[in-house]
Amino acid sequence: MGFSYNKLWKLLIDNDMNKTDLKKAISTTPSTMSRLSKNEHVSMDILGRICEYFNCDIGDIVEYVFERKDKK
């Protein structure tokens, strides 16, 4: 599957923020926010800015979700 930013969205809710607030707080572009929303890859710089803003670890905002591989 890949990366999931569900932890980031929960963090926004817990901090009474929306995606627009985050975009402004970390000085990023709408296209980066779109990639985050679609669980696509973003640069480590962006993830670092988010961690700096929330004073958290990268594991607090992103997780890797393994793809299930069924054995036949």
N, C-alpha and C. Protein backbone atom coordinates (compact mmCIF):
# COMPACT_ATOMS: atom_id res chain seq x y z
N MET A 1 0.83 -1.18 0.00
CA MET A 1 0.00 0.00 0.00
C MET A 1 0.87 1.25 0.00
N GLY A 2 1.67 1.44 1.01
CA GLY A 2 2.55 2.60 1.05
C GLY A 2 2.34 3.44 2.29
N PHE A 3 2.58 4.72 2.14
CA PHE A 3 2.53 5.62 3.27
C PHE A 3 1.11 6.11 3.54
N SER A 4 0.84 6.32 4.81
CA SER A 4 -0.46 6.85 5.24
C SER A 4 -0.20 8.04 6.15
N TYR A 5 -0.91 9.13 5.89
CA TYR A 5 -0.80 10.33 6.71
C TYR A 5 -2.00 10.49 7.64
N ASN A 6 -2.69 9.40 7.93
CA ASN A 6 -3.85 9.48 8.81
C ASN A 6 -3.50 10.04 10.19
N LYS A 7 -2.31 9.73 10.67
CA LYS A 7 -1.88 10.28 11.96
C LYS A 7 -1.76 11.79 11.89
N LEU A 8 -1.32 12.31 10.76
CA LEU A 8 -1.22 13.77 10.58
C LEU A 8 -2.60 14.40 10.64
N TRP A 9 -3.57 13.80 9.97
CA TRP A 9 -4.93 14.38 9.96
C TRP A 9 -5.53 14.35 11.36
N LYS A 10 -5.25 13.31 12.13
CA LYS A 10 -5.74 13.26 13.51
C LYS A 10 -5.06 14.35 14.34
N LEU A 11 -3.77 14.55 14.09
CA LEU A 11 -3.03 15.60 14.81
C LEU A 11 -3.62 16.97 14.51
N LEU A 12 -4.02 17.19 13.27
CA LEU A 12 -4.66 18.47 12.92
C LEU A 12 -5.96 18.65 13.69
N ILE A 13 -6.76 17.60 13.73
CA ILE A 13 -8.04 17.66 14.46
C ILE A 13 -7.78 17.94 15.94
N ASP A 14 -6.81 17.24 16.52
CA ASP A 14 -6.49 17.43 17.94
C ASP A 14 -6.03 18.86 18.23
N ASN A 15 -5.43 19.51 17.22
CA ASN A 15 -4.94 20.88 17.39
C ASN A 15 -5.89 21.93 16.81
N ASP A 16 -7.13 21.50 16.52
CA ASP A 16 -8.16 22.39 15.99
C ASP A 16 -7.67 23.16 14.77
N MET A 17 -7.04 22.41 13.84
CA MET A 17 -6.52 22.99 12.62
C MET A 17 -7.15 22.30 11.41
N ASN A 18 -7.10 22.97 10.27
CA ASN A 18 -7.50 22.34 9.03
C ASN A 18 -6.28 22.31 8.09
N LYS A 19 -6.47 21.76 6.90
CA LYS A 19 -5.35 21.62 5.97
C LYS A 19 -4.81 22.98 5.51
N THR A 20 -5.70 23.95 5.37
CA THR A 20 -5.26 25.29 4.98
C THR A 20 -4.37 25.89 6.06
N ASP A 21 -4.72 25.69 7.32
CA ASP A 21 -3.89 26.18 8.42
C ASP A 21 -2.51 25.54 8.36
N LEU A 22 -2.47 24.24 8.10
CA LEU A 22 -1.18 23.54 8.02
C LEU A 22 -0.37 24.07 6.85
N LYS A 23 -1.01 24.26 5.71
CA LYS A 23 -0.32 24.77 4.51
C LYS A 23 0.37 26.09 4.82
N LYS A 24 -0.32 26.97 5.51
CA LYS A 24 0.25 28.27 5.88
C LYS A 24 1.35 28.12 6.92
N ALA A 25 1.13 27.24 7.90
CA ALA A 25 2.08 27.08 9.00
C ALA A 25 3.44 26.56 8.54
N ILE A 26 3.43 25.70 7.53
CA ILE A 26 4.70 25.12 7.07
C ILE A 26 5.16 25.71 5.74
N SER A 27 4.45 26.73 5.27
CA SER A 27 4.81 27.43 4.03
C SER A 27 5.01 26.46 2.86
N THR A 28 3.94 25.76 2.52
CA THR A 28 4.02 24.82 1.41
C THR A 28 2.96 25.16 0.36
N THR A 29 2.96 24.38 -0.69
CA THR A 29 2.09 24.66 -1.83
C THR A 29 0.82 23.81 -1.79
N PRO A 30 -0.20 24.22 -2.53
CA PRO A 30 -1.41 23.39 -2.63
C PRO A 30 -1.12 22.00 -3.21
N SER A 31 -0.17 21.91 -4.13
CA SER A 31 0.14 20.59 -4.72
C SER A 31 0.73 19.64 -3.69
N THR A 32 1.52 20.16 -2.77
CA THR A 32 2.06 19.32 -1.70
C THR A 32 0.95 18.85 -0.78
N MET A 33 0.03 19.73 -0.47
CA MET A 33 -1.11 19.35 0.36
C MET A 33 -1.96 18.30 -0.34
N SER A 34 -2.08 18.42 -1.64
CA SER A 34 -2.82 17.43 -2.42
C SER A 34 -2.14 16.07 -2.36
N ARG A 35 -0.82 16.05 -2.47
CA ARG A 35 -0.09 14.78 -2.38
C ARG A 35 -0.25 14.15 -0.99
N LEU A 36 -0.21 14.97 0.03
CA LEU A 36 -0.43 14.45 1.39
C LEU A 36 -1.83 13.86 1.50
N SER A 37 -2.82 14.56 0.97
CA SER A 37 -4.20 14.09 1.04
C SER A 37 -4.41 12.77 0.33
N LYS A 38 -3.62 12.53 -0.71
CA LYS A 38 -3.73 11.29 -1.50
C LYS A 38 -2.76 10.20 -1.03
N ASN A 39 -2.11 10.43 0.12
CA ASN A 39 -1.13 9.49 0.66
C ASN A 39 0.00 9.20 -0.33
N GLU A 40 0.41 10.23 -1.06
CA GLU A 40 1.51 10.11 -2.00
C GLU A 40 2.80 10.59 -1.32
N HIS A 41 3.91 10.32 -1.99
CA HIS A 41 5.21 10.69 -1.44
C HIS A 41 5.38 12.21 -1.44
N VAL A 42 5.96 12.72 -0.35
CA VAL A 42 6.37 14.11 -0.26
C VAL A 42 7.81 14.11 0.22
N SER A 43 8.48 15.23 0.08
CA SER A 43 9.89 15.29 0.44
C SER A 43 10.09 15.21 1.96
N MET A 44 11.27 14.79 2.32
CA MET A 44 11.62 14.74 3.74
C MET A 44 11.65 16.15 4.32
N ASP A 45 11.94 17.14 3.48
CA ASP A 45 11.92 18.53 3.93
C ASP A 45 10.53 18.91 4.44
N ILE A 46 9.51 18.53 3.69
CA ILE A 46 8.12 18.82 4.09
C ILE A 46 7.80 18.11 5.40
N LEU A 47 8.14 16.82 5.47
CA LEU A 47 7.86 16.07 6.70
C LEU A 47 8.62 16.66 7.87
N GLY A 48 9.84 17.13 7.62
CA GLY A 48 10.63 17.78 8.68
C GLY A 48 9.98 19.06 9.16
N ARG A 49 9.44 19.85 8.23
CA ARG A 49 8.76 21.09 8.62
C ARG A 49 7.53 20.81 9.47
N ILE A 50 6.81 19.75 9.11
CA ILE A 50 5.63 19.38 9.90
C ILE A 50 6.05 18.95 11.30
N CYS A 51 7.10 18.14 11.38
CA CYS A 51 7.60 17.70 12.70
C CYS A 51 8.06 18.89 13.54
N GLU A 52 8.76 19.82 12.90
CA GLU A 52 9.23 21.02 13.62
C GLU A 52 8.04 21.81 14.16
N TYR A 53 7.02 21.99 13.32
CA TYR A 53 5.87 22.79 13.71
C TYR A 53 5.15 22.15 14.91
N PHE A 54 4.94 20.84 14.86
CA PHE A 54 4.22 20.17 15.94
C PHE A 54 5.14 19.65 17.05
N ASN A 55 6.45 19.84 16.88
CA ASN A 55 7.43 19.35 17.85
C ASN A 55 7.19 17.86 18.12
N CYS A 56 7.19 17.10 17.03
CA CYS A 56 6.91 15.67 17.14
C CYS A 56 7.90 14.87 16.31
N ASP A 57 7.81 13.57 16.41
CA ASP A 57 8.63 12.65 15.65
C ASP A 57 7.91 12.29 14.35
N ILE A 58 8.65 11.88 13.34
CA ILE A 58 8.04 11.55 12.05
C ILE A 58 7.00 10.43 12.18
N GLY A 59 7.22 9.51 13.11
CA GLY A 59 6.26 8.43 13.34
C GLY A 59 4.93 8.91 13.90
N ASP A 60 4.89 10.16 14.35
CA ASP A 60 3.65 10.74 14.85
C ASP A 60 2.77 11.30 13.74
N ILE A 61 3.33 11.39 12.51
CA ILE A 61 2.56 11.96 11.41
C ILE A 61 2.41 11.04 10.20
N VAL A 62 3.27 10.04 10.09
CA VAL A 62 3.23 9.15 8.93
C VAL A 62 3.53 7.72 9.37
N GLU A 63 2.91 6.79 8.67
CA GLU A 63 3.22 5.38 8.92
C GLU A 63 3.24 4.64 7.60
N TYR A 64 3.98 3.57 7.57
CA TYR A 64 4.03 2.73 6.38
C TYR A 64 3.05 1.59 6.57
N VAL A 65 2.15 1.44 5.62
CA VAL A 65 1.14 0.39 5.67
C VAL A 65 1.55 -0.69 4.68
N PHE A 66 1.80 -1.88 5.18
CA PHE A 66 2.23 -2.97 4.33
C PHE A 66 1.09 -3.47 3.47
N GLU A 67 1.44 -3.81 2.25
CA GLU A 67 0.47 -4.40 1.34
C GLU A 67 0.31 -5.86 1.68
N ARG A 68 -0.91 -6.28 1.77
CA ARG A 68 -1.19 -7.68 2.11
C ARG A 68 -0.95 -8.55 0.88
N LYS A 69 -0.14 -9.55 1.05
CA LYS A 69 0.15 -10.48 -0.05
C LYS A 69 -0.36 -11.83 0.35
N ASP A 70 -1.47 -12.22 -0.27
CA ASP A 70 -2.07 -13.52 0.02
C ASP A 70 -1.26 -14.62 -0.64
N LYS A 71 -1.02 -15.68 0.11
CA LYS A 71 -0.34 -16.84 -0.44
C LYS A 71 -1.39 -17.81 -0.97
N LYS A 72 -1.12 -18.38 -2.11
CA LYS A 72 -2.07 -19.31 -2.71
C LYS A 72 -1.58 -20.72 -2.60
